[in-house]
Amino acid sequence: MLPSFQHPKAGPLTLVGSPLPGADASRAPPPLLGQHSREVLSSLGVSADELGRLEQVGAIRSA
């Protein structure tokens, strides 16, 4: 119920596991801020040029 992770920035981290049967959220540490921004926005149709512009102005960040 208390999975432990080695987080890339926070170091050792212990979280509360899910009480739901079969819900195995203990496979990976939580994502870093911005870690999936490009992937999610790309899947919504945002172009690579627009993603670069959004990063440049600080609207999104890459992990």
N, C-alpha and C. Protein backbone atom coordinates (compact mmCIF):
# COMPACT_ATOMS: atom_id res chain seq x y z
N MET A 1 0.81 -1.20 0.00
CA MET A 1 0.00 0.00 0.00
C MET A 1 0.85 1.27 0.00
N LEU A 2 2.13 1.15 0.29
CA LEU A 2 3.01 2.32 0.29
C LEU A 2 4.19 2.07 -0.66
N PRO A 3 3.96 2.22 -1.97
CA PRO A 3 5.05 1.97 -2.92
C PRO A 3 6.14 3.04 -2.79
N SER A 4 7.37 2.62 -2.95
CA SER A 4 8.52 3.53 -2.90
C SER A 4 9.15 3.62 -4.28
N PHE A 5 9.65 4.80 -4.61
CA PHE A 5 10.27 5.06 -5.90
C PHE A 5 11.54 5.85 -5.70
N GLN A 6 12.40 5.78 -6.69
CA GLN A 6 13.54 6.68 -6.78
C GLN A 6 13.15 7.71 -7.83
N HIS A 7 12.70 8.87 -7.38
CA HIS A 7 12.25 9.91 -8.30
C HIS A 7 13.47 10.62 -8.86
N PRO A 8 13.46 10.96 -10.17
CA PRO A 8 14.64 11.58 -10.79
C PRO A 8 15.06 12.92 -10.18
N LYS A 9 14.12 13.67 -9.61
CA LYS A 9 14.48 14.96 -9.01
C LYS A 9 14.26 15.00 -7.51
N ALA A 10 13.26 14.32 -7.01
CA ALA A 10 12.92 14.39 -5.58
C ALA A 10 13.68 13.37 -4.74
N GLY A 11 14.33 12.40 -5.39
CA GLY A 11 15.05 11.36 -4.66
C GLY A 11 14.09 10.28 -4.18
N PRO A 12 14.39 9.62 -3.05
CA PRO A 12 13.51 8.57 -2.54
C PRO A 12 12.13 9.14 -2.21
N LEU A 13 11.09 8.43 -2.66
CA LEU A 13 9.73 8.93 -2.51
C LEU A 13 8.80 7.77 -2.19
N THR A 14 7.99 7.91 -1.14
CA THR A 14 6.99 6.91 -0.78
C THR A 14 5.61 7.54 -0.94
N LEU A 15 4.73 6.85 -1.66
CA LEU A 15 3.39 7.36 -1.93
C LEU A 15 2.35 6.40 -1.36
N VAL A 16 1.12 6.85 -1.33
CA VAL A 16 0.01 6.00 -0.91
C VAL A 16 -0.50 5.28 -2.14
N GLY A 17 -0.59 3.95 -2.07
CA GLY A 17 -1.07 3.16 -3.18
C GLY A 17 -2.59 3.21 -3.30
N SER A 18 -3.09 2.73 -4.44
CA SER A 18 -4.53 2.72 -4.68
C SER A 18 -5.19 1.59 -3.90
N PRO A 19 -6.32 1.85 -3.26
CA PRO A 19 -7.03 0.80 -2.53
C PRO A 19 -7.90 -0.06 -3.45
N LEU A 20 -8.02 0.31 -4.72
CA LEU A 20 -8.87 -0.43 -5.64
C LEU A 20 -8.22 -1.74 -6.06
N PRO A 21 -8.98 -2.84 -6.05
CA PRO A 21 -8.42 -4.12 -6.46
C PRO A 21 -7.96 -4.07 -7.91
N GLY A 22 -6.78 -4.56 -8.16
CA GLY A 22 -6.24 -4.61 -9.52
C GLY A 22 -5.66 -3.31 -10.02
N ALA A 23 -5.77 -2.24 -9.28
CA ALA A 23 -5.21 -0.95 -9.70
C ALA A 23 -3.76 -0.90 -9.25
N ASP A 24 -2.87 -1.15 -10.19
CA ASP A 24 -1.44 -1.19 -9.86
C ASP A 24 -0.78 0.10 -10.34
N ALA A 25 -0.92 1.15 -9.56
CA ALA A 25 -0.32 2.44 -9.90
C ALA A 25 1.11 2.52 -9.40
N SER A 26 1.65 1.44 -8.89
CA SER A 26 2.98 1.47 -8.29
C SER A 26 4.08 1.10 -9.27
N ARG A 27 3.84 1.20 -10.55
CA ARG A 27 4.83 0.79 -11.54
C ARG A 27 5.88 1.86 -11.82
N ALA A 28 5.54 3.13 -11.64
CA ALA A 28 6.48 4.20 -11.99
C ALA A 28 6.24 5.40 -11.06
N PRO A 29 7.28 6.21 -10.89
CA PRO A 29 7.09 7.42 -10.07
C PRO A 29 6.20 8.41 -10.81
N PRO A 30 5.67 9.39 -10.11
CA PRO A 30 4.85 10.40 -10.77
C PRO A 30 5.66 11.16 -11.82
N PRO A 31 5.02 11.64 -12.88
CA PRO A 31 5.77 12.35 -13.92
C PRO A 31 6.26 13.71 -13.42
N LEU A 32 7.32 14.17 -14.05
CA LEU A 32 7.84 15.50 -13.77
C LEU A 32 6.93 16.54 -14.40
N LEU A 33 6.95 17.75 -13.90
CA LEU A 33 6.16 18.83 -14.46
C LEU A 33 6.55 19.03 -15.92
N GLY A 34 5.59 18.91 -16.81
CA GLY A 34 5.84 19.10 -18.24
C GLY A 34 6.33 17.87 -18.96
N GLN A 35 6.48 16.76 -18.28
CA GLN A 35 7.07 15.56 -18.89
C GLN A 35 6.28 15.08 -20.11
N HIS A 36 4.97 15.20 -20.10
CA HIS A 36 4.16 14.70 -21.20
C HIS A 36 3.49 15.80 -22.02
N SER A 37 3.85 17.04 -21.78
CA SER A 37 3.19 18.17 -22.45
C SER A 37 3.26 18.06 -23.97
N ARG A 38 4.46 17.84 -24.49
CA ARG A 38 4.62 17.77 -25.96
C ARG A 38 3.82 16.60 -26.54
N GLU A 39 3.87 15.47 -25.88
CA GLU A 39 3.16 14.28 -26.37
C GLU A 39 1.65 14.52 -26.40
N VAL A 40 1.11 15.07 -25.31
CA VAL A 40 -0.34 15.31 -25.23
C VAL A 40 -0.76 16.35 -26.25
N LEU A 41 -0.05 17.47 -26.32
CA LEU A 41 -0.43 18.53 -27.26
C LEU A 41 -0.27 18.07 -28.70
N SER A 42 0.75 17.28 -28.99
CA SER A 42 0.91 16.73 -30.34
C SER A 42 -0.26 15.85 -30.72
N SER A 43 -0.72 15.03 -29.78
CA SER A 43 -1.86 14.15 -30.06
C SER A 43 -3.14 14.94 -30.31
N LEU A 44 -3.18 16.20 -29.84
CA LEU A 44 -4.34 17.06 -30.06
C LEU A 44 -4.19 17.91 -31.32
N GLY A 45 -3.09 17.69 -32.06
CA GLY A 45 -2.91 18.37 -33.34
C GLY A 45 -2.04 19.61 -33.31
N VAL A 46 -1.40 19.91 -32.20
CA VAL A 46 -0.51 21.07 -32.14
C VAL A 46 0.78 20.74 -32.89
N SER A 47 1.18 21.62 -33.80
CA SER A 47 2.36 21.38 -34.62
C SER A 47 3.65 21.52 -33.82
N ALA A 48 4.72 20.96 -34.37
CA ALA A 48 6.03 21.04 -33.71
C ALA A 48 6.49 22.50 -33.62
N ASP A 49 6.21 23.29 -34.64
CA ASP A 49 6.58 24.71 -34.61
C ASP A 49 5.85 25.44 -33.48
N GLU A 50 4.56 25.16 -33.34
CA GLU A 50 3.77 25.79 -32.28
C GLU A 50 4.24 25.34 -30.91
N LEU A 51 4.60 24.06 -30.77
CA LEU A 51 5.12 23.57 -29.49
C LEU A 51 6.41 24.30 -29.13
N GLY A 52 7.28 24.50 -30.11
CA GLY A 52 8.51 25.24 -29.88
C GLY A 52 8.24 26.66 -29.44
N ARG A 53 7.25 27.30 -30.07
CA ARG A 53 6.90 28.67 -29.70
C ARG A 53 6.33 28.72 -28.29
N LEU A 54 5.48 27.74 -27.94
CA LEU A 54 4.90 27.69 -26.60
C LEU A 54 5.98 27.51 -25.53
N GLU A 55 6.98 26.68 -25.83
CA GLU A 55 8.09 26.51 -24.89
C GLU A 55 8.89 27.79 -24.77
N GLN A 56 9.13 28.45 -25.89
CA GLN A 56 9.94 29.66 -25.90
C GLN A 56 9.32 30.77 -25.05
N VAL A 57 8.00 30.89 -25.09
CA VAL A 57 7.34 31.95 -24.31
C VAL A 57 7.01 31.50 -22.89
N GLY A 58 7.30 30.25 -22.55
CA GLY A 58 7.10 29.77 -21.20
C GLY A 58 5.72 29.25 -20.89
N ALA A 59 4.90 29.04 -21.94
CA ALA A 59 3.55 28.53 -21.72
C ALA A 59 3.55 27.05 -21.36
N ILE A 60 4.52 26.32 -21.88
CA ILE A 60 4.71 24.91 -21.52
C ILE A 60 6.19 24.70 -21.26
N ARG A 61 6.50 23.61 -20.60
CA ARG A 61 7.90 23.29 -20.38
C ARG A 61 8.11 21.82 -20.60
N SER A 62 9.29 21.48 -21.05
CA SER A 62 9.66 20.08 -21.24
C SER A 62 10.46 19.63 -20.03
N ALA A 63 10.24 18.41 -19.63
CA ALA A 63 10.95 17.86 -18.47
C ALA A 63 12.36 17.50 -18.84
